[in-house]
N, C-alpha and C. Protein backbone atom coordinates (compact mmCIF):
# COMPACT_ATOMS: atom_id res chain seq x y z
N SER A 1 14.92 -19.55 -22.39
CA SER A 1 15.57 -18.54 -22.26
C SER A 1 14.78 -17.01 -22.76
N LEU A 2 14.41 -17.58 -23.89
CA LEU A 2 13.56 -16.31 -24.36
C LEU A 2 12.25 -15.99 -23.82
N GLU A 3 11.70 -16.76 -23.46
CA GLU A 3 10.28 -16.79 -22.96
C GLU A 3 10.30 -16.35 -21.66
N LEU A 4 11.68 -16.58 -20.83
CA LEU A 4 11.45 -16.21 -19.16
C LEU A 4 11.15 -14.69 -18.78
N PRO A 5 11.85 -13.61 -19.93
CA PRO A 5 11.45 -12.30 -19.43
C PRO A 5 10.21 -11.91 -19.73
N MET A 6 9.45 -12.47 -20.62
CA MET A 6 7.99 -12.41 -21.12
C MET A 6 7.17 -12.87 -19.87
N LEU A 7 7.26 -14.16 -19.23
CA LEU A 7 6.63 -14.52 -18.21
C LEU A 7 6.83 -13.50 -16.59
N GLU A 8 8.08 -13.01 -16.67
CA GLU A 8 8.25 -12.44 -15.31
C GLU A 8 8.03 -10.71 -15.79
N LYS A 9 7.50 -10.47 -16.98
CA LYS A 9 7.38 -8.95 -17.16
C LYS A 9 6.54 -8.40 -15.92
N ASN A 10 5.35 -8.98 -15.60
CA ASN A 10 4.33 -8.16 -14.84
C ASN A 10 4.64 -8.38 -13.36
N LEU A 11 5.69 -9.39 -13.16
CA LEU A 11 5.88 -9.65 -11.87
C LEU A 11 6.52 -8.25 -11.10
N THR A 12 7.19 -7.58 -11.64
CA THR A 12 7.74 -6.30 -11.16
C THR A 12 6.68 -5.27 -10.25
N ILE A 13 5.52 -5.48 -11.17
CA ILE A 13 4.59 -4.52 -10.58
C ILE A 13 3.97 -5.33 -9.36
N ILE A 14 3.63 -6.37 -9.34
CA ILE A 14 3.09 -7.03 -8.03
C ILE A 14 4.19 -6.83 -7.04
N ALA A 15 5.36 -6.66 -7.19
CA ALA A 15 6.63 -6.82 -6.27
C ALA A 15 6.68 -5.19 -5.81
N THR A 16 6.15 -4.36 -6.68
CA THR A 16 6.28 -3.00 -6.39
C THR A 16 5.02 -2.50 -5.57
N LEU A 17 3.97 -3.23 -5.77
CA LEU A 17 2.48 -2.94 -5.20
C LEU A 17 2.96 -3.74 -3.54
N ALA A 18 3.57 -4.41 -3.27
CA ALA A 18 3.90 -5.11 -2.40
C ALA A 18 4.67 -4.07 -1.08
N SER A 19 5.63 -3.67 -1.91
CA SER A 19 6.35 -2.64 -1.13
C SER A 19 5.73 -1.42 -0.80
N VAL A 20 5.10 -1.00 -1.99
CA VAL A 20 4.50 0.41 -1.85
C VAL A 20 3.53 0.53 -0.98
N SER A 21 2.56 -0.58 -1.04
CA SER A 21 1.52 -0.57 -0.19
C SER A 21 1.69 -0.37 1.27
N THR A 22 2.89 -0.85 1.72
CA THR A 22 3.29 -0.92 3.27
C THR A 22 3.64 0.48 3.32
N LEU A 23 4.40 0.90 2.51
CA LEU A 23 4.78 2.50 2.69
C LEU A 23 3.64 3.45 2.63
N ILE A 24 2.70 3.27 1.86
CA ILE A 24 1.56 4.20 1.87
C ILE A 24 0.58 3.87 3.19
N GLY A 25 0.59 2.72 3.76
CA GLY A 25 -0.12 2.51 4.87
C GLY A 25 0.48 2.94 5.89
N LEU A 26 1.96 3.08 5.96
CA LEU A 26 2.65 3.90 7.18
C LEU A 26 2.46 5.32 7.05
N LEU A 27 2.55 5.73 5.83
CA LEU A 27 2.29 7.21 5.69
C LEU A 27 0.90 7.61 6.28
N GLY A 28 0.01 7.07 5.95
CA GLY A 28 -1.36 7.03 6.50
C GLY A 28 -1.64 7.12 7.98
N THR A 29 -0.71 5.95 8.57
CA THR A 29 -0.94 5.89 9.90
C THR A 29 -0.19 7.27 10.43
N VAL A 30 1.01 7.69 9.88
CA VAL A 30 1.75 8.67 10.44
C VAL A 30 0.61 10.18 10.39
N VAL A 31 -0.38 9.95 9.38
CA VAL A 31 -0.96 11.23 8.99
C VAL A 31 -2.17 10.99 10.14
N GLY A 32 -2.57 9.83 10.49
CA GLY A 32 -3.56 9.80 11.33
C GLY A 32 -3.17 9.97 12.71
N MET A 33 -1.92 9.74 13.20
CA MET A 33 -1.19 10.08 14.27
C MET A 33 -1.00 11.71 14.54
N ILE A 34 -0.72 12.06 13.45
CA ILE A 34 -0.66 13.82 13.61
C ILE A 34 -1.75 14.43 13.94
N LYS A 35 -2.79 14.03 13.14
CA LYS A 35 -4.24 14.54 13.47
C LYS A 35 -4.63 14.24 14.88
N ALA A 36 -4.38 12.97 15.45
CA ALA A 36 -4.99 12.78 16.87
C ALA A 36 -4.22 13.50 17.88
N PHE A 37 -2.80 13.60 17.69
CA PHE A 37 -1.94 14.47 18.56
C PHE A 37 -2.34 15.98 18.46
N SER A 38 -2.50 16.24 17.23
CA SER A 38 -3.11 17.99 16.86
C SER A 38 -4.38 18.16 17.67
N ALA A 39 -5.18 17.17 17.57
CA ALA A 39 -6.47 17.43 18.21
C ALA A 39 -6.30 17.34 19.92
N LEU A 40 -5.27 16.65 20.46
CA LEU A 40 -4.98 16.67 21.65
C LEU A 40 -4.42 17.93 22.07
N GLY A 41 -3.68 18.42 21.32
CA GLY A 41 -2.95 19.67 21.53
C GLY A 41 -3.66 20.65 21.29
N ASN A 42 -4.68 21.12 20.69
CA ASN A 42 -5.42 22.07 20.49
C ASN A 42 -6.65 22.09 21.39
N SER A 43 -6.89 21.15 22.01
CA SER A 43 -8.00 21.09 23.22
C SER A 43 -7.59 21.85 24.34
N GLY A 44 -6.38 22.17 24.35
CA GLY A 44 -5.95 23.03 25.65
C GLY A 44 -6.25 22.17 26.85
N GLY A 45 -7.06 22.38 27.94
CA GLY A 45 -7.06 21.81 29.10
C GLY A 45 -8.07 20.65 29.00
N SER A 46 -8.98 20.81 28.29
CA SER A 46 -9.93 19.53 28.08
C SER A 46 -9.66 18.62 26.95
N THR A 47 -9.72 17.38 27.19
CA THR A 47 -9.48 16.30 26.05
C THR A 47 -10.70 16.40 25.16
N ASP A 48 -10.43 16.48 23.70
CA ASP A 48 -11.28 16.36 22.70
C ASP A 48 -11.29 14.81 22.16
N SER A 49 -11.94 13.73 23.04
CA SER A 49 -12.06 12.56 22.84
C SER A 49 -12.61 12.08 21.34
N THR A 50 -13.38 12.85 21.03
CA THR A 50 -13.82 12.36 19.49
C THR A 50 -12.73 12.55 18.28
N ALA A 51 -12.08 13.78 18.44
CA ALA A 51 -11.07 13.97 17.73
C ALA A 51 -9.92 13.01 17.81
N LEU A 52 -9.83 12.83 18.93
CA LEU A 52 -8.72 11.85 19.15
C LEU A 52 -8.78 10.75 18.92
N ALA A 53 -9.96 10.09 19.01
CA ALA A 53 -10.41 8.82 18.42
C ALA A 53 -10.44 8.68 16.93
N ASN A 54 -10.81 9.75 16.22
CA ASN A 54 -11.01 9.81 14.80
C ASN A 54 -9.70 9.65 14.27
N GLY A 55 -8.44 10.23 14.73
CA GLY A 55 -7.16 10.33 14.33
C GLY A 55 -6.64 8.85 14.79
N ILE A 56 -6.93 8.56 15.49
CA ILE A 56 -6.18 6.87 15.77
C ILE A 56 -6.97 6.02 15.19
N SER A 57 -8.14 5.98 14.95
CA SER A 57 -9.14 5.38 13.91
C SER A 57 -8.43 5.50 12.49
N GLU A 58 -8.17 6.67 12.05
CA GLU A 58 -7.73 6.67 10.74
C GLU A 58 -6.31 6.26 10.46
N ALA A 59 -5.58 6.22 11.67
CA ALA A 59 -4.01 5.64 11.62
C ALA A 59 -4.34 4.12 11.38
N LEU A 60 -5.24 3.52 12.30
CA LEU A 60 -5.24 2.08 12.41
C LEU A 60 -5.99 1.50 11.17
N ILE A 61 -6.56 2.25 10.45
CA ILE A 61 -7.42 1.94 9.40
C ILE A 61 -6.64 1.92 8.18
N ASN A 62 -5.60 2.85 8.03
CA ASN A 62 -4.67 2.94 7.00
C ASN A 62 -3.36 1.97 7.18
N THR A 63 -3.30 1.54 8.63
CA THR A 63 -2.29 0.38 8.92
C THR A 63 -2.61 -0.78 8.37
N ALA A 64 -4.21 -1.21 8.69
CA ALA A 64 -4.64 -2.57 8.42
C ALA A 64 -4.81 -2.58 6.75
N ILE A 65 -5.30 -1.64 6.03
CA ILE A 65 -5.17 -1.67 4.65
C ILE A 65 -3.79 -1.74 3.92
N GLY A 66 -2.76 -1.18 4.40
CA GLY A 66 -1.31 -1.42 4.02
C GLY A 66 -0.89 -2.54 4.04
N ILE A 67 -1.07 -3.29 5.38
CA ILE A 67 -0.54 -4.68 5.74
C ILE A 67 -1.40 -5.49 4.85
N GLY A 68 -2.69 -5.25 4.70
CA GLY A 68 -3.44 -6.37 3.80
C GLY A 68 -3.12 -6.38 2.60
N THR A 69 -2.86 -5.21 1.83
CA THR A 69 -2.68 -5.21 0.44
C THR A 69 -1.17 -5.81 0.27
N SER A 70 -0.24 -5.43 1.22
CA SER A 70 1.19 -6.13 0.78
C SER A 70 0.83 -7.47 1.15
N ALA A 71 0.24 -8.20 1.98
CA ALA A 71 0.31 -9.44 2.06
C ALA A 71 -0.23 -10.29 0.89
N ILE A 72 -1.57 -9.75 0.61
CA ILE A 72 -1.94 -10.23 -0.69
C ILE A 72 -1.11 -10.16 -2.07
N SER A 73 -0.53 -8.92 -1.99
CA SER A 73 0.78 -8.85 -3.30
C SER A 73 1.77 -9.82 -3.03
N ILE A 74 2.13 -9.99 -1.83
CA ILE A 74 3.38 -10.79 -1.72
C ILE A 74 2.83 -12.48 -2.09
N ILE A 75 1.55 -12.81 -1.25
CA ILE A 75 1.05 -13.92 -1.72
C ILE A 75 0.87 -14.25 -3.32
N ALA A 76 0.56 -13.47 -4.05
CA ALA A 76 0.22 -13.35 -5.43
C ALA A 76 1.65 -13.51 -6.12
N TYR A 77 2.66 -12.69 -5.64
CA TYR A 77 3.82 -12.66 -6.34
C TYR A 77 4.55 -14.04 -6.02
N ASN A 78 4.41 -14.69 -4.89
CA ASN A 78 5.13 -15.95 -4.83
C ASN A 78 4.50 -17.24 -5.38
N PHE A 79 3.12 -17.05 -5.61
CA PHE A 79 2.10 -17.89 -6.23
C PHE A 79 2.91 -18.01 -7.99
N PHE A 80 2.90 -16.77 -8.44
CA PHE A 80 3.19 -16.68 -9.77
C PHE A 80 4.63 -17.22 -10.04
N THR A 81 5.80 -16.55 -9.00
CA THR A 81 6.92 -16.89 -9.21
C THR A 81 7.10 -18.60 -9.18
N SER A 82 6.45 -19.31 -8.35
CA SER A 82 6.32 -20.68 -8.09
C SER A 82 6.01 -21.32 -9.59
N LYS A 83 4.75 -20.64 -10.36
CA LYS A 83 4.31 -21.21 -11.32
C LYS A 83 5.46 -20.77 -12.70
N ILE A 84 6.00 -19.84 -12.34
CA ILE A 84 7.02 -19.49 -13.40
C ILE A 84 8.14 -20.59 -13.61
N ASP A 85 8.57 -21.00 -12.19
CA ASP A 85 9.57 -21.70 -11.91
C ASP A 85 9.29 -23.06 -12.36
N THR A 86 7.92 -23.81 -12.29
CA THR A 86 7.40 -25.25 -12.58
C THR A 86 7.56 -25.00 -14.00
N LEU A 87 6.96 -24.05 -14.94
CA LEU A 87 7.10 -23.85 -16.31
C LEU A 87 8.38 -23.94 -16.80
N THR A 88 9.27 -23.14 -16.42
CA THR A 88 10.56 -23.07 -16.63
C THR A 88 11.41 -24.59 -16.64
N TYR A 89 11.11 -25.15 -15.56
CA TYR A 89 11.91 -26.41 -15.24
C TYR A 89 11.20 -27.49 -16.42
N SER A 90 9.82 -27.31 -16.65
CA SER A 90 9.07 -28.18 -17.72
C SER A 90 9.86 -28.14 -19.00
N ILE A 91 10.16 -26.78 -19.32
CA ILE A 91 10.62 -26.39 -20.68
C ILE A 91 12.01 -26.71 -20.80
N ASP A 92 12.83 -26.64 -19.68
CA ASP A 92 14.25 -27.13 -19.80
C ASP A 92 14.12 -28.41 -19.80
N GLU A 93 13.44 -29.31 -18.99
CA GLU A 93 13.22 -30.97 -19.46
C GLU A 93 12.75 -31.21 -20.58
N ALA A 94 11.67 -30.80 -21.21
CA ALA A 94 11.66 -30.96 -22.83
C ALA A 94 12.74 -30.74 -23.67
N GLY A 95 13.63 -29.62 -23.38
CA GLY A 95 14.61 -29.40 -24.12
C GLY A 95 15.94 -30.52 -24.14
N VAL A 96 16.14 -30.77 -22.77
CA VAL A 96 17.09 -31.74 -22.64
C VAL A 96 16.55 -33.38 -23.33
N CYS A 97 15.38 -33.57 -23.21
CA CYS A 97 14.60 -34.48 -23.80
C CYS A 97 14.73 -34.74 -25.25
N ILE A 98 14.65 -33.40 -25.97
CA ILE A 98 14.80 -33.47 -27.30
C ILE A 98 16.24 -33.60 -27.63
N THR A 99 17.19 -33.10 -26.80
CA THR A 99 18.45 -33.09 -27.31
C THR A 99 19.13 -34.69 -27.30
N GLN A 100 18.31 -35.14 -26.24
CA GLN A 100 18.96 -36.82 -25.95
C GLN A 100 18.61 -37.55 -27.24
N THR A 101 17.07 -37.29 -27.38
CA THR A 101 16.61 -38.28 -28.66
C THR A 101 17.19 -38.03 -30.00
N PHE A 102 17.65 -36.76 -30.27
CA PHE A 102 18.47 -36.16 -31.45
C PHE A 102 19.95 -36.80 -31.42
N SER A 103 20.55 -36.75 -30.18
CA SER A 103 21.93 -37.17 -30.17
C SER A 103 22.05 -38.81 -30.23
N ALA A 104 21.02 -39.60 -29.82
CA ALA A 104 20.74 -40.90 -29.94
C ALA A 104 20.63 -41.38 -31.39
N ASN A 105 19.58 -40.44 -32.06
CA ASN A 105 19.26 -41.00 -33.59
C ASN A 105 20.46 -40.54 -34.43
N HIS A 106 21.30 -40.05 -33.89
CA HIS A 106 22.65 -39.43 -35.07
C HIS A 106 23.96 -40.27 -34.68
N HIS A 107 23.71 -41.04 -33.84
CA HIS A 107 25.11 -41.94 -33.58
C HIS A 107 24.98 -43.43 -34.30
């Protein structure tokens, strides 16, 4: 019980990264779409396809990076959580074994 907080200390960083990376990707998507629609609105009657494509491209790149970073963070979080759970179970098992050994020898 004393070691568990130390093992989980840095997991909050990974969990926060998983949440925040999705939000940052979404923010980049919104900014890219704003640029795309701004280019479309400023072109008047003729459509500036290059500026429109650049805005949409920026939006999609930010979305992909945000989703990718979030996915990697979630996988890492789950990996380390399962390692901590395994270690915690082993520690508890050793504690029960020691307790049973002492109680058997004292009777």
